[in-house]
């Protein structure tokens, strides 16, 4: 699903520039759940933004589901992301003057999906908010707002779900419920899940952990497994 090769990225200009990603290599198979962990400032959230197509590399390659994002224009990347990648943020990023239903329908309308509101209703019902369609974000609890955000991410039926500290703004019990929802939806829809978290118990629920330090992947890149699989196929042939 994901192949990252020699990914290099510097943010900022001149004396304020920071070398955030330093020649990263990473492979993630379809259907995997991968937790990206590491200390603050290690580059894990920037790595997630690259995987989501929200940051462009200075050098290197990023391929998602066979599509080389590094070779596409900004518009084409946005189009690909809208069809194939769902994103859940720590701070929800809901539009405050839109209802829950409207928030979920927005990405579908932008993609010219004709039955956008019907799909939005179904997704909100699937995350337990079928009775909260007409509520605005300010009328919802933090956990409910994150459920709306999850429904919005799932509405286009993405192959890849990306979550950046999805439980970071929630209390422990609500965070557990949201985590349960994310993992159940990933399994139910056979999506690939990549999440950044400081929560060791949440990361432990993933099938693999990728550890990042000072802009480099120090463990869990998945490359050894890929090489082994390739060698196995070659021997079998």
C-alpha atoms as a PDB file:
ATOM      1  CA  UNK A   1       0.000   0.000   0.000  1.00  0.00           C
ATOM      2  CA  UNK A   2       2.795   2.433   0.926  1.00  0.00           C
ATOM      3  CA  UNK A   3       6.379   2.598  -0.263  1.00  0.00           C
ATOM      4  CA  UNK A   4       8.621   5.421   0.853  1.00  0.00           C
ATOM      5  CA  UNK A   5      12.140   5.616  -0.572  1.00  0.00           C
ATOM      6  CA  UNK A   6      14.937   7.927   0.589  1.00  0.00           C
ATOM      7  CA  UNK A   7      12.403  10.506   1.782  1.00  0.00           C
ATOM      8  CA  UNK A   8      14.062  13.797   2.587  1.00  0.00           C
ATOM      9  CA  UNK A   9      12.367  17.000   3.714  1.00  0.00           C
ATOM     10  CA  UNK A  10      13.542  20.313   5.160  1.00  0.00           C
ATOM     11  CA  UNK A  11      11.028  22.800   6.545  1.00  0.00           C
ATOM     12  CA  UNK A  12      11.641  26.526   6.947  1.00  0.00           C
ATOM     13  CA  UNK A  13      14.124  28.805   5.270  1.00  0.00           C
ATOM     14  CA  UNK A  14      17.799  29.714   5.805  1.00  0.00           C
ATOM     15  CA  UNK A  15      18.772  29.869   9.503  1.00  0.00           C
ATOM     16  CA  UNK A  16      15.264  28.790  10.528  1.00  0.00           C
ATOM     17  CA  UNK A  17      15.316  25.652   8.401  1.00  0.00           C
ATOM     18  CA  UNK A  18      14.975  22.240  10.046  1.00  0.00           C
ATOM     19  CA  UNK A  19      15.974  18.962   8.390  1.00  0.00           C
ATOM     20  CA  UNK A  20      12.876  17.019   9.452  1.00  0.00           C
ATOM     21  CA  UNK A  21      13.064  13.789   7.432  1.00  0.00           C
ATOM     22  CA  UNK A  22      16.466  12.312   6.655  1.00  0.00           C
ATOM     23  CA  UNK A  23      16.440   9.697   3.911  1.00  0.00           C
ATOM     24  CA  UNK A  24      13.577   7.623   5.327  1.00  0.00           C
ATOM     25  CA  UNK A  25      12.648   4.249   3.825  1.00  0.00           C
ATOM     26  CA  UNK A  26       9.350   2.604   4.773  1.00  0.00           C
ATOM     27  CA  UNK A  27       7.007  -0.056   3.404  1.00  0.00           C
ATOM     28  CA  UNK A  28       3.482  -0.771   4.664  1.00  0.00           C
ATOM     29  CA  UNK A  29       1.360  -3.596   3.308  1.00  0.00           C
ATOM     30  CA  UNK A  30      -2.345  -3.339   2.498  1.00  0.00           C
ATOM     31  CA  UNK A  31      -4.477  -4.068   5.551  1.00  0.00           C
ATOM     32  CA  UNK A  32      -1.709  -3.413   8.089  1.00  0.00           C
ATOM     33  CA  UNK A  33      -2.175  -1.225  11.165  1.00  0.00           C
ATOM     34  CA  UNK A  34       1.010   0.687  11.877  1.00  0.00           C
ATOM     35  CA  UNK A  35       1.722   2.942  14.853  1.00  0.00           C
ATOM     36  CA  UNK A  36       4.360   5.636  14.380  1.00  0.00           C
ATOM     37  CA  UNK A  37       5.989   6.477  17.699  1.00  0.00           C
ATOM     38  CA  UNK A  38       8.861   8.610  18.901  1.00  0.00           C
ATOM     39  CA  UNK A  39       9.725  11.663  21.015  1.00  0.00           C
ATOM     40  CA  UNK A  40       8.332  15.116  20.289  1.00  0.00           C
ATOM     41  CA  UNK A  41      10.141  16.744  17.384  1.00  0.00           C
ATOM     42  CA  UNK A  42      11.312  13.419  15.952  1.00  0.00           C
ATOM     43  CA  UNK A  43       9.498  13.939  12.636  1.00  0.00           C
ATOM     44  CA  UNK A  44       6.689  11.431  13.078  1.00  0.00           C
ATOM     45  CA  UNK A  45       3.827  13.867  12.401  1.00  0.00           C
ATOM     46  CA  UNK A  46       5.647  15.258   9.374  1.00  0.00           C
ATOM     47  CA  UNK A  47       6.109  11.708   8.129  1.00  0.00           C
ATOM     48  CA  UNK A  48       2.366  11.214   8.504  1.00  0.00           C
ATOM     49  CA  UNK A  49       1.667  14.383   6.502  1.00  0.00           C
ATOM     50  CA  UNK A  50       3.932  13.093   3.723  1.00  0.00           C
ATOM     51  CA  UNK A  51       2.038   9.795   3.682  1.00  0.00           C
ATOM     52  CA  UNK A  52      -1.212  11.773   3.479  1.00  0.00           C
ATOM     53  CA  UNK A  53       0.053  13.840   0.556  1.00  0.00           C
ATOM     54  CA  UNK A  54      -0.125  17.034   2.624  1.00  0.00           C
ATOM     55  CA  UNK A  55       3.642  17.660   2.534  1.00  0.00           C
ATOM     56  CA  UNK A  56       5.798  17.259  -0.562  1.00  0.00           C
ATOM     57  CA  UNK A  57       9.265  15.760  -0.346  1.00  0.00           C
ATOM     58  CA  UNK A  58      12.393  17.672  -1.316  1.00  0.00           C
ATOM     59  CA  UNK A  59      13.921  14.400  -2.478  1.00  0.00           C
ATOM     60  CA  UNK A  60      12.844  10.781  -2.610  1.00  0.00           C
ATOM     61  CA  UNK A  61       9.734   8.875  -3.637  1.00  0.00           C
ATOM     62  CA  UNK A  62       6.324   8.195  -2.106  1.00  0.00           C
ATOM     63  CA  UNK A  63       4.029   5.630  -3.722  1.00  0.00           C
ATOM     64  CA  UNK A  64       0.535   4.911  -2.387  1.00  0.00           C
ATOM     65  CA  UNK A  65      -1.412   1.949  -3.774  1.00  0.00           C
ATOM     66  CA  UNK A  66       0.768   1.958  -6.879  1.00  0.00           C
ATOM     67  CA  UNK A  67       0.432   5.709  -7.536  1.00  0.00           C
ATOM     68  CA  UNK A  68       3.676   7.758  -7.339  1.00  0.00           C
ATOM     69  CA  UNK A  69       2.569  10.908  -5.509  1.00  0.00           C
ATOM     70  CA  UNK A  70       5.977  12.514  -5.979  1.00  0.00           C
ATOM     71  CA  UNK A  71       5.312  12.603  -9.733  1.00  0.00           C
ATOM     72  CA  UNK A  72       1.899  14.292  -9.519  1.00  0.00           C
ATOM     73  CA  UNK A  73       0.862  17.951  -9.474  1.00  0.00           C
ATOM     74  CA  UNK A  74      -0.680  19.434  -6.320  1.00  0.00           C
ATOM     75  CA  UNK A  75      -4.146  19.197  -7.887  1.00  0.00           C
ATOM     76  CA  UNK A  76      -3.690  15.550  -8.847  1.00  0.00           C
ATOM     77  CA  UNK A  77      -2.388  14.706  -5.359  1.00  0.00           C
ATOM     78  CA  UNK A  78      -5.443  16.401  -3.823  1.00  0.00           C
ATOM     79  CA  UNK A  79      -7.731  14.448  -6.148  1.00  0.00           C
ATOM     80  CA  UNK A  80      -6.000  11.166  -5.270  1.00  0.00           C
ATOM     81  CA  UNK A  81      -6.138  11.946  -1.542  1.00  0.00           C
ATOM     82  CA  UNK A  82      -9.857  12.730  -1.728  1.00  0.00           C
ATOM     83  CA  UNK A  83     -10.594   9.332  -3.263  1.00  0.00           C
ATOM     84  CA  UNK A  84      -8.149   7.092  -1.407  1.00  0.00           C
ATOM     85  CA  UNK A  85      -7.008   8.577   1.919  1.00  0.00           C
ATOM     86  CA  UNK A  86      -9.069   9.372   5.016  1.00  0.00           C
ATOM     87  CA  UNK A  87      -7.469  11.617   7.648  1.00  0.00           C
ATOM     88  CA  UNK A  88      -8.348  12.033  11.337  1.00  0.00           C
ATOM     89  CA  UNK A  89      -6.661  14.859  13.257  1.00  0.00           C
ATOM     90  CA  UNK A  90      -6.159  15.391  16.974  1.00  0.00           C
ATOM     91  CA  UNK A  91      -8.120  18.664  16.921  1.00  0.00           C
ATOM     92  CA  UNK A  92     -11.067  17.334  14.892  1.00  0.00           C
ATOM     93  CA  UNK A  93     -10.980  20.188  12.298  1.00  0.00           C
ATOM     94  CA  UNK A  94     -14.737  20.314  11.917  1.00  0.00           C
ATOM     95  CA  UNK A  95     -16.353  23.342  10.264  1.00  0.00           C
ATOM     96  CA  UNK A  96     -18.088  25.120  13.184  1.00  0.00           C
ATOM     97  CA  UNK A  97     -21.003  26.617  11.241  1.00  0.00           C
ATOM     98  CA  UNK A  98     -21.932  23.300   9.613  1.00  0.00           C
ATOM     99  CA  UNK A  99     -23.943  20.477  11.163  1.00  0.00           C
ATOM    100  CA  UNK A 100     -22.487  17.022  11.714  1.00  0.00           C
ATOM    101  CA  UNK A 101     -24.244  15.846   8.563  1.00  0.00           C
ATOM    102  CA  UNK A 102     -22.900  18.730   6.501  1.00  0.00           C
ATOM    103  CA  UNK A 103     -19.365  18.218   7.834  1.00  0.00           C
ATOM    104  CA  UNK A 104     -19.367  14.593   6.715  1.00  0.00           C
ATOM    105  CA  UNK A 105     -20.979  15.376   3.352  1.00  0.00           C
ATOM    106  CA  UNK A 106     -18.456  18.101   2.414  1.00  0.00           C
ATOM    107  CA  UNK A 107     -15.663  15.882   0.999  1.00  0.00           C
ATOM    108  CA  UNK A 108     -18.245  13.862  -0.919  1.00  0.00           C
ATOM    109  CA  UNK A 109     -19.791  16.972  -2.434  1.00  0.00           C
ATOM    110  CA  UNK A 110     -16.347  18.231  -3.426  1.00  0.00           C
ATOM    111  CA  UNK A 111     -15.817  14.903  -5.202  1.00  0.00           C
ATOM    112  CA  UNK A 112     -19.201  15.337  -6.971  1.00  0.00           C
ATOM    113  CA  UNK A 113     -20.732  12.277  -5.294  1.00  0.00           C
ATOM    114  CA  UNK A 114     -24.448  12.512  -6.070  1.00  0.00           C
ATOM    115  CA  UNK A 115     -25.791  10.843  -2.908  1.00  0.00           C
ATOM    116  CA  UNK A 116     -23.390  12.665  -0.575  1.00  0.00           C
ATOM    117  CA  UNK A 117     -25.909  13.325   2.187  1.00  0.00           C
ATOM    118  CA  UNK A 118     -27.267   9.785   2.205  1.00  0.00           C
ATOM    119  CA  UNK A 119     -23.740   8.386   2.561  1.00  0.00           C
ATOM    120  CA  UNK A 120     -23.050  10.956   5.305  1.00  0.00           C
ATOM    121  CA  UNK A 121     -26.163   9.816   7.198  1.00  0.00           C
ATOM    122  CA  UNK A 122     -25.078   6.194   6.941  1.00  0.00           C
ATOM    123  CA  UNK A 123     -21.549   6.962   8.151  1.00  0.00           C
ATOM    124  CA  UNK A 124     -22.767   8.990  11.119  1.00  0.00           C
ATOM    125  CA  UNK A 125     -25.139   6.193  12.066  1.00  0.00           C
ATOM    126  CA  UNK A 126     -22.264   3.702  11.821  1.00  0.00           C
ATOM    127  CA  UNK A 127     -20.262   5.658  14.424  1.00  0.00           C
ATOM    128  CA  UNK A 128     -23.238   5.957  16.777  1.00  0.00           C
ATOM    129  CA  UNK A 129     -24.352   9.477  15.880  1.00  0.00           C
ATOM    130  CA  UNK A 130     -27.504   8.763  13.905  1.00  0.00           C
ATOM    131  CA  UNK A 131     -29.470  10.983  16.303  1.00  0.00           C
ATOM    132  CA  UNK A 132     -27.023  13.902  16.155  1.00  0.00           C
ATOM    133  CA  UNK A 133     -27.145  14.752  12.448  1.00  0.00           C
ATOM    134  CA  UNK A 134     -28.374  18.319  12.874  1.00  0.00           C
ATOM    135  CA  UNK A 135     -26.079  19.233  15.770  1.00  0.00           C
ATOM    136  CA  UNK A 136     -23.233  21.706  15.286  1.00  0.00           C
ATOM    137  CA  UNK A 137     -19.705  20.915  16.568  1.00  0.00           C
ATOM    138  CA  UNK A 138     -20.169  23.287  19.511  1.00  0.00           C
ATOM    139  CA  UNK A 139     -23.181  21.237  20.620  1.00  0.00           C
ATOM    140  CA  UNK A 140     -21.205  17.982  20.661  1.00  0.00           C
ATOM    141  CA  UNK A 141     -18.768  16.561  23.206  1.00  0.00           C
ATOM    142  CA  UNK A 142     -15.131  16.048  22.268  1.00  0.00           C
ATOM    143  CA  UNK A 143     -15.690  12.344  21.729  1.00  0.00           C
ATOM    144  CA  UNK A 144     -18.714  13.025  19.528  1.00  0.00           C
ATOM    145  CA  UNK A 145     -16.768  15.560  17.483  1.00  0.00           C
ATOM    146  CA  UNK A 146     -14.024  12.998  16.897  1.00  0.00           C
ATOM    147  CA  UNK A 147     -16.666  10.480  15.810  1.00  0.00           C
ATOM    148  CA  UNK A 148     -17.925  13.004  13.271  1.00  0.00           C
ATOM    149  CA  UNK A 149     -14.343  13.429  12.069  1.00  0.00           C
ATOM    150  CA  UNK A 150     -13.974   9.648  11.748  1.00  0.00           C
ATOM    151  CA  UNK A 151     -17.244   9.428   9.811  1.00  0.00           C
ATOM    152  CA  UNK A 152     -15.987  12.193   7.496  1.00  0.00           C
ATOM    153  CA  UNK A 153     -12.711  10.341   6.922  1.00  0.00           C
ATOM    154  CA  UNK A 154     -14.546   7.087   6.174  1.00  0.00           C
ATOM    155  CA  UNK A 155     -17.252   8.545   3.918  1.00  0.00           C
ATOM    156  CA  UNK A 156     -15.266   8.330   0.640  1.00  0.00           C
ATOM    157  CA  UNK A 157     -14.465   4.648   1.411  1.00  0.00           C
ATOM    158  CA  UNK A 158     -10.683   5.190   1.518  1.00  0.00           C
ATOM    159  CA  UNK A 159      -8.138   2.399   1.208  1.00  0.00           C
ATOM    160  CA  UNK A 160      -5.830   4.178   3.660  1.00  0.00           C
ATOM    161  CA  UNK A 161      -6.822   5.756   6.996  1.00  0.00           C
ATOM    162  CA  UNK A 162      -4.328   8.123   8.603  1.00  0.00           C
ATOM    163  CA  UNK A 163      -4.740   9.345  12.188  1.00  0.00           C
ATOM    164  CA  UNK A 164      -2.595  11.942  13.957  1.00  0.00           C
ATOM    165  CA  UNK A 165      -2.959  11.597  17.758  1.00  0.00           C
ATOM    166  CA  UNK A 166      -6.666  10.715  17.372  1.00  0.00           C
ATOM    167  CA  UNK A 167      -7.198  10.373  21.131  1.00  0.00           C
ATOM    168  CA  UNK A 168      -4.877  13.192  22.191  1.00  0.00           C
ATOM    169  CA  UNK A 169      -7.639  15.673  23.109  1.00  0.00           C
ATOM    170  CA  UNK A 170      -9.872  13.145  24.859  1.00  0.00           C
ATOM    171  CA  UNK A 171     -10.083  11.754  28.378  1.00  0.00           C
ATOM    172  CA  UNK A 172      -8.921   8.181  28.921  1.00  0.00           C
ATOM    173  CA  UNK A 173     -12.311   6.457  28.656  1.00  0.00           C
ATOM    174  CA  UNK A 174     -13.499   8.477  25.654  1.00  0.00           C
ATOM    175  CA  UNK A 175     -10.110   7.946  24.020  1.00  0.00           C
ATOM    176  CA  UNK A 176     -10.463   4.197  24.478  1.00  0.00           C
ATOM    177  CA  UNK A 177     -13.899   4.261  22.872  1.00  0.00           C
ATOM    178  CA  UNK A 178     -12.616   6.267  19.903  1.00  0.00           C
ATOM    179  CA  UNK A 179      -9.648   3.902  19.532  1.00  0.00           C
ATOM    180  CA  UNK A 180     -12.013   0.919  19.610  1.00  0.00           C
ATOM    181  CA  UNK A 181     -14.050   2.561  16.852  1.00  0.00           C
ATOM    182  CA  UNK A 182     -11.018   3.248  14.660  1.00  0.00           C
ATOM    183  CA  UNK A 183      -9.671  -0.293  14.933  1.00  0.00           C
ATOM    184  CA  UNK A 184     -13.086  -1.878  14.421  1.00  0.00           C
ATOM    185  CA  UNK A 185     -13.661   0.191  11.266  1.00  0.00           C
ATOM    186  CA  UNK A 186     -10.195  -0.676   9.985  1.00  0.00           C
ATOM    187  CA  UNK A 187     -10.887  -4.387  10.402  1.00  0.00           C
ATOM    188  CA  UNK A 188     -14.448  -4.175   9.101  1.00  0.00           C
ATOM    189  CA  UNK A 189     -13.403  -2.373   5.907  1.00  0.00           C
ATOM    190  CA  UNK A 190      -9.995  -3.999   5.482  1.00  0.00           C
ATOM    191  CA  UNK A 191      -8.260  -0.622   5.334  1.00  0.00           C
ATOM    192  CA  UNK A 192      -4.623   0.154   5.937  1.00  0.00           C
ATOM    193  CA  UNK A 193      -4.243   2.220   9.130  1.00  0.00           C
ATOM    194  CA  UNK A 194      -1.298   4.453   9.977  1.00  0.00           C
ATOM    195  CA  UNK A 195      -1.425   6.453  13.192  1.00  0.00           C
ATOM    196  CA  UNK A 196       0.881   8.685  15.185  1.00  0.00           C
ATOM    197  CA  UNK A 197       0.504   8.477  18.942  1.00  0.00           C
ATOM    198  CA  UNK A 198       2.274   9.163  22.231  1.00  0.00           C
ATOM    199  CA  UNK A 199       0.025   6.566  23.866  1.00  0.00           C
ATOM    200  CA  UNK A 200       1.988   3.337  24.255  1.00  0.00           C
ATOM    201  CA  UNK A 201      -1.167   1.276  24.821  1.00  0.00           C
ATOM    202  CA  UNK A 202      -2.712   2.603  21.606  1.00  0.00           C
ATOM    203  CA  UNK A 203       0.451   1.939  19.612  1.00  0.00           C
ATOM    204  CA  UNK A 204       0.564  -1.592  21.029  1.00  0.00           C
ATOM    205  CA  UNK A 205      -2.801  -2.334  19.417  1.00  0.00           C
ATOM    206  CA  UNK A 206      -1.247  -1.928  15.957  1.00  0.00           C
ATOM    207  CA  UNK A 207       0.185  -4.893  14.097  1.00  0.00           C
ATOM    208  CA  UNK A 208       3.522  -3.067  13.838  1.00  0.00           C
ATOM    209  CA  UNK A 209       5.258  -0.080  15.398  1.00  0.00           C
ATOM    210  CA  UNK A 210       7.621   2.234  13.525  1.00  0.00           C
ATOM    211  CA  UNK A 211       9.995   4.158  15.770  1.00  0.00           C
ATOM    212  CA  UNK A 212      11.250   7.547  14.625  1.00  0.00           C
ATOM    213  CA  UNK A 213      14.091   9.552  16.150  1.00  0.00           C
ATOM    214  CA  UNK A 214      15.712  12.763  14.879  1.00  0.00           C
ATOM    215  CA  UNK A 215      14.144  12.441  11.444  1.00  0.00           C
ATOM    216  CA  UNK A 216      15.141   8.820  10.899  1.00  0.00           C
ATOM    217  CA  UNK A 217      13.336   5.492  11.252  1.00  0.00           C
ATOM    218  CA  UNK A 218      15.233   3.488  13.845  1.00  0.00           C
ATOM    219  CA  UNK A 219      13.057   0.345  13.865  1.00  0.00           C
ATOM    220  CA  UNK A 220       9.997  -1.185  12.259  1.00  0.00           C
ATOM    221  CA  UNK A 221      10.501   0.102   8.703  1.00  0.00           C
ATOM    222  CA  UNK A 222       9.211  -3.169   7.277  1.00  0.00           C
ATOM    223  CA  UNK A 223      12.000  -3.315   4.711  1.00  0.00           C
ATOM    224  CA  UNK A 224      13.559  -6.466   6.125  1.00  0.00           C
ATOM    225  CA  UNK A 225      10.210  -8.264   5.858  1.00  0.00           C
ATOM    226  CA  UNK A 226       9.778  -7.081   2.264  1.00  0.00           C
ATOM    227  CA  UNK A 227      13.243  -8.217   1.277  1.00  0.00           C
ATOM    228  CA  UNK A 228      12.644 -11.595   2.926  1.00  0.00           C
ATOM    229  CA  UNK A 229       9.359 -11.990   1.084  1.00  0.00           C
ATOM    230  CA  UNK A 230      11.012 -11.146  -2.235  1.00  0.00           C
ATOM    231  CA  UNK A 231      13.811 -13.627  -1.613  1.00  0.00           C
ATOM    232  CA  UNK A 232      11.278 -16.292  -0.665  1.00  0.00           C
ATOM    233  CA  UNK A 233       9.384 -15.759  -3.914  1.00  0.00           C
ATOM    234  CA  UNK A 234      12.606 -15.876  -5.903  1.00  0.00           C
ATOM    235  CA  UNK A 235      13.645 -19.165  -4.289  1.00  0.00           C
ATOM    236  CA  UNK A 236      10.197 -20.669  -4.886  1.00  0.00           C
ATOM    237  CA  UNK A 237      10.360 -19.690  -8.548  1.00  0.00           C
END
